Protein backbone atom coordinates (compact mmCIF):
# COMPACT_ATOMS: atom_id res chain seq x y z
CA MET A 1 128.30 97.11 96.55
CA ASN A 2 130.06 99.72 95.12
CA GLY A 3 130.94 102.42 97.68
CA THR A 4 128.40 102.98 100.82
CA ILE A 5 125.73 104.42 98.35
CA PRO A 6 123.82 101.73 96.23
CA LYS A 7 124.02 102.30 92.31
CA VAL A 8 121.31 101.40 89.73
CA GLY A 9 121.69 101.22 86.60
CA PHE A 10 118.65 101.82 83.59
CA VAL A 11 118.34 101.29 79.89
CA SER A 12 114.79 102.46 78.87
CA LEU A 13 113.55 101.10 75.92
CA GLY A 14 110.25 101.77 73.89
CA CYS A 15 107.62 104.92 73.19
CA PRO A 16 107.36 108.12 74.62
CA LYS A 17 104.68 106.51 77.46
CA ALA A 18 107.28 104.05 78.47
CA THR A 19 110.09 106.75 78.82
CA VAL A 20 107.63 108.36 81.38
CA ASP A 21 107.50 105.28 83.14
CA SER A 22 111.23 105.33 83.35
CA GLU A 23 111.52 109.00 84.77
CA HIS A 24 108.89 108.08 87.56
CA ILE A 25 111.20 105.12 88.31
CA LEU A 26 114.31 106.94 88.72
CA THR A 27 112.61 109.72 89.95
CA ARG A 28 111.41 107.44 92.84
CA LEU A 29 115.15 106.14 93.31
CA ARG A 30 116.49 109.29 93.39
CA ALA A 31 114.31 110.61 96.34
CA GLU A 32 115.48 107.24 98.01
CA GLY A 33 118.88 108.18 97.82
CA TYR A 34 119.66 105.51 95.24
CA LEU A 35 122.61 107.04 93.04
CA ILE A 36 121.84 106.25 88.71
CA SER A 37 125.17 104.47 87.06
CA GLY A 38 125.83 104.60 83.48
CA SER A 39 127.82 101.37 83.36
CA TYR A 40 126.68 97.88 83.97
CA GLN A 41 129.96 97.85 85.76
CA ASP A 42 129.88 100.09 88.30
CA SER A 43 125.79 99.12 89.16
CA ASP A 44 124.79 97.25 91.53
CA LEU A 45 121.73 96.35 89.84
CA VAL A 46 120.40 97.15 86.28
CA ILE A 47 116.81 97.99 85.48
CA VAL A 48 115.24 97.68 82.18
CA ASN A 49 112.40 99.03 80.64
CA THR A 50 111.28 97.11 78.06
CA CYS A 51 109.05 97.51 74.75
CA GLY A 52 106.70 93.94 73.52
CA PHE A 53 104.92 95.87 70.48
CA ILE A 54 106.51 94.60 67.91
CA ASP A 55 108.79 91.58 67.04
CA SER A 56 111.70 93.23 66.26
CA ALA A 57 111.00 95.14 69.68
CA VAL A 58 110.68 92.19 71.55
CA GLU A 59 113.70 90.97 70.59
CA GLU A 60 115.74 94.30 71.09
CA SER A 61 114.17 94.19 74.81
CA LEU A 62 115.33 90.24 75.43
CA ASP A 63 118.75 91.06 74.27
CA ALA A 64 119.47 94.37 76.22
CA ILE A 65 118.41 91.93 79.26
CA GLY A 66 120.50 89.41 77.68
CA GLU A 67 123.36 91.97 77.43
CA ALA A 68 122.79 93.13 81.44
CA LEU A 69 122.43 89.84 82.72
CA ALA A 70 126.23 89.42 81.17
CA GLU A 71 127.42 92.46 82.55
CA ASN A 72 126.24 93.10 85.21
CA GLY A 73 124.02 89.78 86.65
CA LYS A 74 121.61 91.51 88.53
CA VAL A 75 118.65 92.71 86.27
CA ILE A 76 114.40 93.65 86.67
CA VAL A 77 112.54 93.95 83.94
CA THR A 78 109.30 95.94 83.98
CA GLY A 79 107.54 97.35 80.74
CA CYS A 80 105.32 96.05 77.91
CA LEU A 81 107.19 92.67 77.77
CA GLY A 82 107.10 92.37 81.37
CA ALA A 83 103.17 92.35 80.83
CA LYS A 84 104.48 89.00 78.76
CA GLY A 85 106.30 87.85 81.97
CA ASP A 86 106.72 84.11 80.49
CA VAL A 87 108.92 84.89 77.32
CA VAL A 88 111.15 87.16 79.63
CA ARG A 89 111.77 84.26 82.28
CA GLN A 90 111.64 81.31 79.08
CA ALA A 91 114.66 83.63 77.65
CA HIS A 92 116.51 84.76 80.73
CA PRO A 93 115.28 82.56 84.08
CA LYS A 94 117.95 84.33 85.63
CA VAL A 95 116.36 87.84 86.34
CA LEU A 96 115.88 88.90 89.69
CA ALA A 97 111.98 90.36 88.98
CA VAL A 98 109.18 90.93 86.17
CA THR A 99 106.94 93.83 86.36
CA GLY A 100 104.62 94.95 83.59
CA PRO A 101 104.48 98.48 82.35
CA HIS A 102 103.15 101.90 84.56
CA ALA A 103 104.54 99.35 87.55
CA ALA A 104 106.59 102.08 89.15
CA ASP A 105 105.39 100.62 92.96
CA GLU A 106 106.16 97.49 91.86
CA VAL A 107 109.38 98.00 90.34
CA MET A 108 110.48 99.87 93.49
CA ALA A 109 109.58 96.95 96.06
CA ALA A 110 112.14 94.27 93.62
CA VAL A 111 114.48 97.22 94.26
CA HIS A 112 114.26 97.12 97.99
CA ARG A 113 114.52 93.38 98.24
CA HIS A 114 117.91 93.14 96.01
CA LEU A 115 119.29 96.45 96.70
CA PRO A 116 118.03 98.00 100.22
CA LYS A 117 117.23 101.65 100.15
CA PRO A 118 119.95 103.70 101.79
CA HIS A 119 117.88 106.02 104.43
CA ASP A 120 114.52 107.37 104.24
CA PRO A 121 113.32 109.67 101.17
CA HIS A 122 114.04 113.26 101.62
CA ALA A 123 112.25 115.01 98.54
CA ASP A 124 114.91 117.69 98.52
CA LEU A 125 117.19 115.09 96.79
CA VAL A 126 115.56 115.40 93.49
CA PRO A 127 114.21 118.31 91.56
CA ALA A 128 110.71 119.43 91.57
CA GLN A 129 110.19 118.23 87.86
CA GLY A 130 111.90 114.73 88.76
CA ILE A 131 114.36 113.07 86.89
CA ARG A 132 114.17 113.43 83.22
CA LEU A 133 115.73 111.71 80.41
CA THR A 134 114.73 114.29 77.57
CA PRO A 135 117.05 117.72 76.88
CA LYS A 136 116.36 120.07 78.91
CA HIS A 137 113.70 122.30 76.73
CA TYR A 138 111.33 119.69 76.03
CA ALA A 139 109.46 117.02 78.15
CA TYR A 140 106.59 114.30 77.90
CA LEU A 141 103.80 114.80 79.94
CA LYS A 142 101.86 111.57 80.15
CA ILE A 143 97.83 112.08 80.68
CA SER A 144 96.41 108.40 80.98
CA GLU A 145 97.26 105.24 80.48
CA GLY A 146 95.91 102.35 78.32
CA CYS A 147 93.12 102.28 75.73
CA ASN A 148 89.80 101.27 75.66
CA HIS A 149 89.67 100.22 71.69
CA ARG A 150 90.46 96.80 71.01
CA CYS A 151 91.67 96.70 67.49
CA THR A 152 93.04 93.97 65.97
CA PHE A 153 95.82 94.86 64.87
CA CYS A 154 97.09 96.24 68.16
CA ILE A 155 98.57 94.64 71.10
CA ILE A 156 98.78 97.84 73.37
CA PRO A 157 95.77 97.34 75.47
CA SER A 158 96.39 93.50 76.39
CA LEU A 159 99.92 95.32 77.23
CA ARG A 160 98.98 98.45 79.22
CA GLY A 161 95.49 97.88 80.05
CA PRO A 162 91.91 99.61 79.67
CA LEU A 163 91.84 103.56 79.60
CA VAL A 164 92.79 105.50 83.11
CA SER A 165 93.02 109.15 82.76
CA ARG A 166 95.42 111.10 84.85
CA PRO A 167 93.48 113.82 87.45
CA VAL A 168 93.76 116.79 85.40
CA GLY A 169 94.88 118.74 88.33
CA ASP A 170 97.83 116.31 88.62
CA VAL A 171 98.94 117.00 84.78
CA MET A 172 98.54 120.71 85.52
CA GLY A 173 100.73 120.32 89.09
CA GLU A 174 103.39 118.73 86.79
CA ALA A 175 102.92 120.38 83.58
CA GLN A 176 103.52 123.59 85.78
CA SER A 177 106.41 122.24 87.63
CA LEU A 178 108.08 121.60 84.08
CA VAL A 179 107.35 125.23 83.19
CA ASN A 180 108.68 126.30 86.07
CA ALA A 181 112.10 124.22 85.70
CA GLY A 182 112.97 125.67 82.35
CA VAL A 183 110.82 123.13 79.63
CA LYS A 184 110.00 124.88 76.98
CA GLU A 185 108.02 122.60 75.04
CA LEU A 186 105.74 119.94 76.42
CA LEU A 187 104.90 117.26 74.46
CA VAL A 188 101.55 115.74 75.35
CA ILE A 189 101.41 112.04 75.16
CA SER A 190 98.93 109.03 76.31
CA GLN A 191 97.88 105.73 74.30
CA ASP A 192 94.48 107.69 73.24
CA THR A 193 94.62 111.65 74.19
CA SER A 194 91.19 112.29 72.50
CA ALA A 195 89.95 109.77 74.62
CA TYR A 196 91.48 111.56 77.81
CA GLY A 197 89.06 111.86 80.66
CA VAL A 198 85.94 109.01 79.17
CA ASP A 199 86.63 106.58 81.82
CA VAL A 200 85.83 109.41 84.53
CA LYS A 201 83.17 110.59 82.45
CA TYR A 202 84.72 114.17 81.58
CA ARG A 203 84.08 115.07 85.47
CA THR A 204 85.09 118.23 86.50
CA GLY A 205 88.63 118.57 88.62
CA PHE A 206 90.36 121.71 89.88
CA TRP A 207 93.72 123.73 89.27
CA GLY A 208 94.41 127.09 90.54
CA GLY A 209 91.21 126.75 92.28
CA LYS A 210 89.93 127.22 89.45
CA PRO A 211 87.23 124.19 88.05
CA LEU A 212 88.63 122.55 84.80
CA LYS A 213 87.03 119.51 83.27
CA THR A 214 88.64 116.19 82.25
CA ARG A 215 88.42 116.04 78.70
CA MET A 216 91.00 116.90 76.10
CA THR A 217 89.93 120.59 75.02
CA GLU A 218 89.95 121.98 78.31
CA LEU A 219 93.50 119.96 79.33
CA ALA A 220 95.09 121.70 76.00
CA GLY A 221 93.46 125.46 76.83
CA ALA A 222 94.69 125.23 80.31
CA LEU A 223 98.02 124.09 78.73
CA GLY A 224 98.64 126.58 76.55
CA GLY A 225 98.60 129.13 79.18
CA LEU A 226 101.37 127.91 81.10
CA GLY A 227 103.71 129.60 78.72
CA ALA A 228 104.93 127.10 76.70
CA TRP A 229 104.75 125.16 73.51
CA VAL A 230 101.88 122.06 73.88
CA ARG A 231 101.74 119.95 71.45
CA LEU A 232 99.36 117.18 71.36
CA HIS A 233 100.69 113.50 70.12
CA TYR A 234 98.57 110.34 69.64
CA VAL A 235 95.18 112.41 68.34
CA TYR A 236 92.24 110.10 67.20
CA PRO A 237 89.14 110.99 65.35
CA TYR A 238 86.67 111.56 67.88
CA PRO A 239 84.01 114.41 67.40
CA HIS A 240 85.19 117.15 70.04
CA VAL A 241 88.89 116.78 68.33
CA ASP A 242 87.50 119.51 66.01
CA GLU A 243 87.71 121.61 68.85
CA ALA A 244 91.27 121.88 69.16
CA ILE A 245 91.75 123.49 65.53
CA PRO A 246 90.62 127.22 67.01
CA LEU A 247 93.45 126.62 69.87
CA MET A 248 95.80 125.48 67.15
CA ALA A 249 94.62 128.98 64.86
CA GLU A 250 95.01 130.81 67.95
CA GLY A 251 98.59 129.65 69.16
CA VAL A 252 97.39 128.43 72.10
CA ILE A 253 99.10 125.01 71.24
CA LEU A 254 101.36 123.85 68.39
CA PRO A 255 99.55 122.13 64.98
């Protein structure tokens, strides 16, 4: 172990949704007192967040795992390729652990097994907006995970599971923390942004003591009131998508 404070290296691959997963894990690591290292040699272990969407992404992920094993020797694998654990294990049987996507708890448990945390968590070790991999002026805001569709050309549902929408109050709270920290543009992401809230039947949540529907249009309007640019990604055709056009025309969200 390098010094008295354990150090973790991190490799983040894949789409913006995977980047958010990486940010959550990095935030948890820092909250528990781990240091984040920028090199394999200076790390006590390495986490590789993989992509498994297309063949070239699988190859890149397996290469990254192999490089981390060769340079460091202690590797935890997470992310979409981790959902195909047998693929990772067959190629690299010496990895310490393999988890699927959006599995911060499982990743942290694996870290604790192989690199015990230095002390109890203290929230003041990390800023309110968490650890971000993006530049200071923009941030990804993930509002849901998974997808309910089973398009024959897409592997995402089998990797990331069915639609699970985040509580609208949690989304708004994270967005407000980001804006307070100086973020100028919120990039709203998910597997299927238009479907936000379908799984909870557009249930009404609360933000700032006021009711707010768990639905893309209402969320976009509320985000637009925070004082930052709001850009919607992964918006697919649903009848209510037309309701976002007036918000764009009025400058509430970006076109």
